[in-house]
């Protein structure tokens, strides 16, 4: 079985880093990819926002210490997961995310290639 996604896009904000009740750190990052069409010589962009959840501790530590500025170009490789929650009004909501947690998953800055969190494992 294979569940793998690769994205190249731009960060929408600084990573949010939090700790679980068990004390493990996790980072959340928003990444935008886009596609475009051209009609009558006019370009129209269609952005797509992706939630990226990072469990790899070396990558989380790298984000905490070095960070990625808003608008940084990144490569993301992980798996797609679907989740749900109940909002404050009792409505069940569904969402998808890209998870970086297993060997072979990675987040790499394409703006600053000298900073590769995978090298810090």
Protein backbone atom coordinates (compact mmCIF):
# COMPACT_ATOMS: atom_id res chain seq x y z
CA UNK A 1 0.00 0.00 0.00
CA UNK A 2 1.19 3.52 -0.72
CA UNK A 3 -0.06 6.80 0.73
CA UNK A 4 2.37 9.51 -0.30
CA UNK A 5 2.08 13.14 -1.36
CA UNK A 6 4.73 15.58 -2.54
CA UNK A 7 4.16 19.33 -2.64
CA UNK A 8 6.24 22.34 -3.58
CA UNK A 9 4.70 25.56 -2.36
CA UNK A 10 5.06 28.59 -0.14
CA UNK A 11 4.48 28.90 3.60
CA UNK A 12 1.57 31.08 4.65
CA UNK A 13 2.79 31.91 8.15
CA UNK A 14 5.29 30.84 10.78
CA UNK A 15 4.97 27.26 12.00
CA UNK A 16 2.87 26.78 15.13
CA UNK A 17 4.61 24.49 17.60
CA UNK A 18 2.77 22.91 20.52
CA UNK A 19 3.26 20.03 22.92
CA UNK A 20 0.91 17.10 23.34
CA UNK A 21 -0.29 16.02 26.79
CA UNK A 22 2.46 13.39 26.65
CA UNK A 23 5.09 16.09 26.11
CA UNK A 24 5.85 15.37 22.44
CA UNK A 25 6.25 18.43 20.22
CA UNK A 26 4.31 18.80 16.99
CA UNK A 27 4.44 21.60 14.42
CA UNK A 28 1.67 22.76 12.10
CA UNK A 29 2.44 24.65 8.93
CA UNK A 30 0.22 26.03 6.17
CA UNK A 31 1.57 25.61 2.63
CA UNK A 32 0.05 27.07 -0.53
CA UNK A 33 0.33 25.47 -3.94
CA UNK A 34 -1.35 26.78 -7.05
CA UNK A 35 -2.29 25.99 -10.58
CA UNK A 36 -3.28 28.43 -13.26
CA UNK A 37 -5.13 28.72 -16.53
CA UNK A 38 -4.67 31.16 -19.36
CA UNK A 39 -7.63 32.42 -21.31
CA UNK A 40 -7.42 35.19 -23.88
CA UNK A 41 -3.87 35.88 -22.72
CA UNK A 42 -5.00 36.47 -19.14
CA UNK A 43 -3.64 34.31 -16.34
CA UNK A 44 -5.95 33.13 -13.54
CA UNK A 45 -4.42 31.52 -10.44
CA UNK A 46 -6.14 28.88 -8.31
CA UNK A 47 -4.39 28.59 -4.93
CA UNK A 48 -4.84 25.54 -2.69
CA UNK A 49 -3.92 25.65 1.00
CA UNK A 50 -2.60 22.53 2.70
CA UNK A 51 -2.29 21.90 6.42
CA UNK A 52 0.99 20.13 7.17
CA UNK A 53 1.43 18.40 10.54
CA UNK A 54 5.03 17.58 11.48
CA UNK A 55 5.81 14.90 14.07
CA UNK A 56 9.45 14.31 13.13
CA UNK A 57 11.23 15.73 16.19
CA UNK A 58 14.39 16.82 14.32
CA UNK A 59 12.25 18.82 11.90
CA UNK A 60 10.15 20.31 14.72
CA UNK A 61 13.35 21.33 16.56
CA UNK A 62 14.74 22.84 13.35
CA UNK A 63 11.55 24.88 12.87
CA UNK A 64 11.67 26.02 16.50
CA UNK A 65 15.28 27.18 16.26
CA UNK A 66 15.66 28.42 12.67
CA UNK A 67 12.08 28.81 11.52
CA UNK A 68 10.76 29.45 8.04
CA UNK A 69 9.68 32.95 7.14
CA UNK A 70 6.23 33.52 5.68
CA UNK A 71 6.51 33.04 1.92
CA UNK A 72 9.39 30.54 2.11
CA UNK A 73 9.45 28.01 -0.72
CA UNK A 74 9.32 24.44 0.65
CA UNK A 75 9.25 20.82 -0.46
CA UNK A 76 6.91 18.59 1.56
CA UNK A 77 6.76 14.81 1.39
CA UNK A 78 4.38 12.94 3.65
CA UNK A 79 1.09 11.09 3.73
CA UNK A 80 -2.48 12.31 3.43
CA UNK A 81 -4.72 11.81 6.45
CA UNK A 82 -8.35 12.72 6.86
CA UNK A 83 -9.66 13.80 10.23
CA UNK A 84 -12.78 15.24 11.80
CA UNK A 85 -13.84 17.29 14.78
CA UNK A 86 -17.01 18.73 16.22
CA UNK A 87 -17.16 22.54 16.23
CA UNK A 88 -18.65 24.76 18.95
CA UNK A 89 -22.08 24.52 17.34
CA UNK A 90 -22.04 20.71 17.44
CA UNK A 91 -21.44 20.37 13.69
CA UNK A 92 -19.08 17.62 12.61
CA UNK A 93 -16.34 19.03 10.34
CA UNK A 94 -13.97 17.08 8.10
CA UNK A 95 -10.52 18.11 6.87
CA UNK A 96 -7.43 16.70 5.21
CA UNK A 97 -3.81 17.20 6.19
CA UNK A 98 -0.36 16.12 5.10
CA UNK A 99 1.51 14.37 7.91
CA UNK A 100 5.30 14.16 8.20
CA UNK A 101 5.96 11.41 10.73
CA UNK A 102 7.62 8.38 9.15
CA UNK A 103 11.03 7.65 7.66
CA UNK A 104 11.12 9.06 4.14
CA UNK A 105 8.80 11.96 5.03
CA UNK A 106 10.41 15.38 4.96
CA UNK A 107 10.10 19.13 4.95
CA UNK A 108 12.88 20.91 3.11
CA UNK A 109 13.48 24.60 2.56
CA UNK A 110 14.06 25.37 -1.10
CA UNK A 111 15.06 28.96 -0.28
CA UNK A 112 17.93 27.92 1.98
CA UNK A 113 19.08 24.46 0.88
CA UNK A 114 21.95 24.49 3.38
CA UNK A 115 19.36 24.06 6.17
CA UNK A 116 18.07 20.51 5.77
CA UNK A 117 16.35 19.19 8.93
CA UNK A 118 16.82 15.59 7.76
CA UNK A 119 20.59 16.03 8.18
CA UNK A 120 20.07 16.69 11.91
CA UNK A 121 18.62 13.24 12.75
